[in-house]
Amino acid sequence: MSTDTSSVESADAQRSWRYLMGAGLLITLLGLIAIAAPFVTGVAVSVLLGALLVVGALGHAVNAVSVGGVAGTAWQVALAVVYAVAGISLLANPVLGLTTVTILLIAYFAVEGVIQIAMGARARSEPNWLWYVASGAVSLALAVLLWAGFPSTAAWAVGLLTGVHLLSTGLLLVYVGYVGRRSGVASGGEAMGGEPRSG
């Protein structure tokens, strides 16, 4: 009975690391394609964001009908209008939307950099405080570089950073799947070696 259970667990483990490695390879490939064509990727991200905003507008419109009270309904209607206008604008002109997304990206890097540097400065008694400061400095440097080259950076920044993120995520999944495969093979070998021999 225990042999059957271990064999089922082994089969499940093999499936899981195969799925992880397969998904990792696919995401890695998408990341490489995104890095090779950052403008197309950026426009695709802009269109996807617009579609998500339109879906969000529909969700707020449904909530406006179901929520109780005049104030709650008014807030939901206002949010639905804002989401719809932003989403339709991105879908109608994704290149212009790409410029807006780049501005938001610059603001994100700037705020993240300031927060991380402040966290590092406050945690100077901890041994890893310099890592916070270094990470914040890199974020601030990215914000400055993107802003200095704006609006030309809008053509590649979002797509390139999306590709780098996909590439790193894919490689991480491949590594996790590889480690899972190695540990599964090792544990399977130990289990076979530990079985008592008859005769």
Protein backbone atom coordinates (compact mmCIF):
# COMPACT_ATOMS: atom_id res chain seq x y z
CA MET A 1 0.00 0.00 0.00
CA SER A 2 2.82 2.38 0.90
CA THR A 3 4.55 1.52 -2.39
CA ASP A 4 1.39 2.48 -4.31
CA THR A 5 1.10 5.73 -2.36
CA SER A 6 4.74 6.64 -2.95
CA SER A 7 4.45 5.86 -6.65
CA VAL A 8 1.36 8.10 -6.96
CA GLU A 9 3.17 10.90 -5.10
CA SER A 10 6.20 10.43 -7.35
CA ALA A 11 4.01 10.67 -10.47
CA ASP A 12 2.34 13.83 -9.12
CA ALA A 13 5.75 15.35 -8.34
CA GLN A 14 6.99 14.56 -11.86
CA ARG A 15 3.90 16.20 -13.37
CA SER A 16 4.31 19.29 -11.19
CA TRP A 17 7.96 19.92 -12.09
CA ARG A 18 7.22 19.24 -15.75
CA TYR A 19 4.41 21.80 -15.67
CA LEU A 20 6.70 24.27 -13.90
CA MET A 21 9.52 23.82 -16.40
CA GLY A 22 7.11 23.95 -19.35
CA ALA A 23 5.46 27.13 -18.08
CA GLY A 24 8.87 28.60 -17.30
CA LEU A 25 10.18 27.91 -20.79
CA LEU A 26 7.05 29.42 -22.35
CA ILE A 27 7.24 32.57 -20.20
CA THR A 28 10.98 32.84 -20.92
CA LEU A 29 10.25 32.68 -24.66
CA LEU A 30 7.57 35.37 -24.29
CA GLY A 31 10.05 37.51 -22.37
CA LEU A 32 12.66 37.19 -25.12
CA ILE A 33 10.06 38.10 -27.76
CA ALA A 34 8.98 41.10 -25.67
CA ILE A 35 12.58 42.28 -25.31
CA ALA A 36 13.14 41.86 -29.06
CA ALA A 37 10.00 43.89 -29.90
CA PRO A 38 9.48 46.35 -27.01
CA PHE A 39 7.22 48.75 -28.91
CA VAL A 40 4.76 46.02 -29.94
CA THR A 41 4.84 44.65 -26.39
CA GLY A 42 4.18 48.09 -24.93
CA VAL A 43 1.20 48.63 -27.22
CA ALA A 44 -0.12 45.18 -26.27
CA VAL A 45 0.24 46.06 -22.57
CA SER A 46 -1.62 49.32 -23.20
CA VAL A 47 -4.47 47.48 -24.97
CA LEU A 48 -4.63 44.86 -22.21
CA LEU A 49 -4.76 47.58 -19.55
CA GLY A 50 -7.56 49.31 -21.47
CA ALA A 51 -9.55 46.08 -21.67
CA LEU A 52 -9.10 45.48 -17.94
CA LEU A 53 -10.30 49.02 -17.18
CA VAL A 54 -13.41 48.49 -19.31
CA VAL A 55 -14.12 45.25 -17.45
CA GLY A 56 -13.62 47.14 -14.18
CA ALA A 57 -16.11 49.79 -15.39
CA LEU A 58 -18.70 47.08 -16.03
CA GLY A 59 -18.07 45.68 -12.56
CA HIS A 60 -18.61 49.09 -10.94
CA ALA A 61 -21.76 49.59 -13.04
CA VAL A 62 -23.16 46.30 -11.73
CA ASN A 63 -22.25 47.31 -8.17
CA ALA A 64 -24.00 50.65 -8.68
CA VAL A 65 -27.26 48.78 -9.27
CA SER A 66 -26.85 46.39 -6.34
CA VAL A 67 -25.35 48.73 -3.72
CA GLY A 68 -27.70 50.38 -1.26
CA GLY A 69 -27.93 54.11 -0.65
CA VAL A 70 -27.60 57.15 -2.87
CA ALA A 71 -24.03 57.95 -1.84
CA GLY A 72 -22.79 54.40 -2.53
CA THR A 73 -24.52 54.32 -5.91
CA ALA A 74 -23.06 57.73 -6.85
CA TRP A 75 -19.52 56.57 -5.99
CA GLN A 76 -19.91 53.38 -8.01
CA VAL A 77 -21.29 55.29 -11.00
CA ALA A 78 -18.43 57.82 -10.80
CA LEU A 79 -15.84 55.02 -10.67
CA ALA A 80 -17.54 53.24 -13.58
CA VAL A 81 -17.36 56.43 -15.67
CA VAL A 82 -13.68 57.04 -14.82
CA TYR A 83 -12.75 53.43 -15.58
CA ALA A 84 -14.74 53.43 -18.82
CA VAL A 85 -13.24 56.71 -20.08
CA ALA A 86 -9.69 55.58 -19.26
CA GLY A 87 -10.20 52.11 -20.73
CA ILE A 88 -11.85 53.31 -23.95
CA SER A 89 -9.13 55.97 -24.37
CA LEU A 90 -6.42 53.31 -24.11
CA LEU A 91 -8.22 51.01 -26.53
CA ALA A 92 -8.90 53.82 -29.02
CA ASN A 93 -5.30 55.10 -29.03
CA PRO A 94 -2.92 52.57 -27.44
CA VAL A 95 0.19 54.50 -28.54
CA LEU A 96 -0.96 57.59 -26.64
CA GLY A 97 -1.90 55.26 -23.78
CA LEU A 98 1.63 53.90 -23.89
CA THR A 99 2.90 57.41 -23.17
CA THR A 100 0.58 57.66 -20.17
CA VAL A 101 1.66 54.25 -18.90
CA THR A 102 5.30 55.33 -19.22
CA ILE A 103 4.62 58.42 -17.10
CA LEU A 104 2.99 56.21 -14.47
CA LEU A 105 6.00 53.88 -14.64
CA ILE A 106 8.39 56.80 -14.08
CA ALA A 107 6.32 57.95 -11.10
CA TYR A 108 6.29 54.40 -9.71
CA PHE A 109 10.07 54.05 -9.93
CA ALA A 110 10.58 57.48 -8.34
CA VAL A 111 8.23 56.79 -5.41
CA GLU A 112 9.61 53.27 -4.93
CA GLY A 113 13.18 54.62 -4.93
CA VAL A 114 12.43 57.29 -2.33
CA ILE A 115 10.60 54.79 -0.09
CA GLN A 116 13.38 52.20 -0.30
CA ILE A 117 16.11 54.75 0.44
CA ALA A 118 14.08 56.04 3.40
CA MET A 119 13.60 52.47 4.67
CA GLY A 120 17.33 51.82 4.38
CA ALA A 121 18.17 55.05 6.20
CA ARG A 122 15.81 54.16 9.04
CA ALA A 123 17.15 50.59 9.28
CA ARG A 124 20.86 51.49 9.53
CA SER A 125 21.19 49.27 12.58
CA GLU A 126 20.30 46.20 10.46
CA PRO A 127 23.03 44.46 8.45
CA ASN A 128 21.16 44.61 5.11
CA TRP A 129 20.24 48.30 5.15
CA LEU A 130 22.61 49.10 2.28
CA TRP A 131 20.65 46.75 -0.02
CA TYR A 132 17.54 48.88 0.48
CA VAL A 133 19.49 52.03 -0.32
CA ALA A 134 21.11 50.46 -3.39
CA SER A 135 17.77 49.17 -4.70
CA GLY A 136 16.18 52.58 -4.13
CA ALA A 137 19.06 54.30 -5.90
CA VAL A 138 18.63 52.00 -8.92
CA SER A 139 14.88 52.75 -9.02
CA LEU A 140 15.55 56.49 -8.83
CA ALA A 141 18.20 56.23 -11.56
CA LEU A 142 15.70 54.41 -13.81
CA ALA A 143 13.10 57.10 -13.17
CA VAL A 144 15.61 59.86 -14.02
CA LEU A 145 16.81 58.10 -17.19
CA LEU A 146 13.28 57.43 -18.41
CA TRP A 147 12.24 61.01 -17.69
CA ALA A 148 15.35 62.45 -19.35
CA GLY A 149 14.60 60.58 -22.57
CA PHE A 150 10.84 61.13 -22.47
CA PRO A 151 8.79 60.92 -24.71
CA SER A 152 11.06 58.74 -26.86
CA THR A 153 11.44 56.29 -23.96
CA ALA A 154 7.70 55.57 -24.21
CA ALA A 155 8.41 53.58 -27.37
CA TRP A 156 10.46 50.94 -25.55
CA ALA A 157 10.41 51.34 -21.75
CA VAL A 158 7.17 49.52 -20.91
CA GLY A 159 7.78 46.72 -23.41
CA LEU A 160 11.41 46.22 -22.40
CA LEU A 161 10.67 46.14 -18.67
CA THR A 162 7.74 43.79 -19.26
CA GLY A 163 10.04 41.50 -21.23
CA VAL A 164 12.72 41.55 -18.53
CA HIS A 165 10.08 40.73 -15.92
CA LEU A 166 8.72 37.83 -17.99
CA LEU A 167 12.24 36.56 -18.66
CA SER A 168 13.23 36.60 -14.98
CA THR A 169 9.93 34.95 -13.96
CA GLY A 170 10.32 32.25 -16.60
CA LEU A 171 13.91 31.49 -15.63
CA LEU A 172 12.87 31.30 -11.97
CA LEU A 173 10.12 28.78 -12.79
CA VAL A 174 12.55 26.70 -14.85
CA TYR A 175 15.02 26.72 -11.96
CA VAL A 176 12.35 25.75 -9.42
CA GLY A 177 11.18 22.93 -11.70
CA TYR A 178 14.77 21.76 -12.21
CA VAL A 179 15.41 21.73 -8.45
CA GLY A 180 12.14 19.83 -7.93
CA ARG A 181 13.17 17.30 -10.55
CA ARG A 182 16.60 16.83 -8.96
CA SER A 183 15.13 16.36 -5.49
CA GLY A 184 12.47 13.98 -6.84
CA VAL A 185 15.07 11.87 -8.60
CA ALA A 186 17.25 11.83 -5.48
CA SER A 187 14.39 10.86 -3.17
CA GLY A 188 13.24 8.19 -5.62
CA GLY A 189 16.74 6.71 -5.73
CA GLU A 190 16.93 6.67 -1.95
CA ALA A 191 13.54 4.98 -1.71
CA MET A 192 14.59 2.29 -4.16
CA GLY A 193 17.92 1.83 -2.41
CA GLY A 194 16.22 1.58 0.96
CA GLU A 195 13.82 -1.23 -0.02
CA PRO A 196 14.61 -4.53 1.68
CA ARG A 197 15.68 -7.34 -0.59
CA SER A 198 14.02 -10.72 -0.37
CA GLY A 199 15.81 -14.02 -0.83
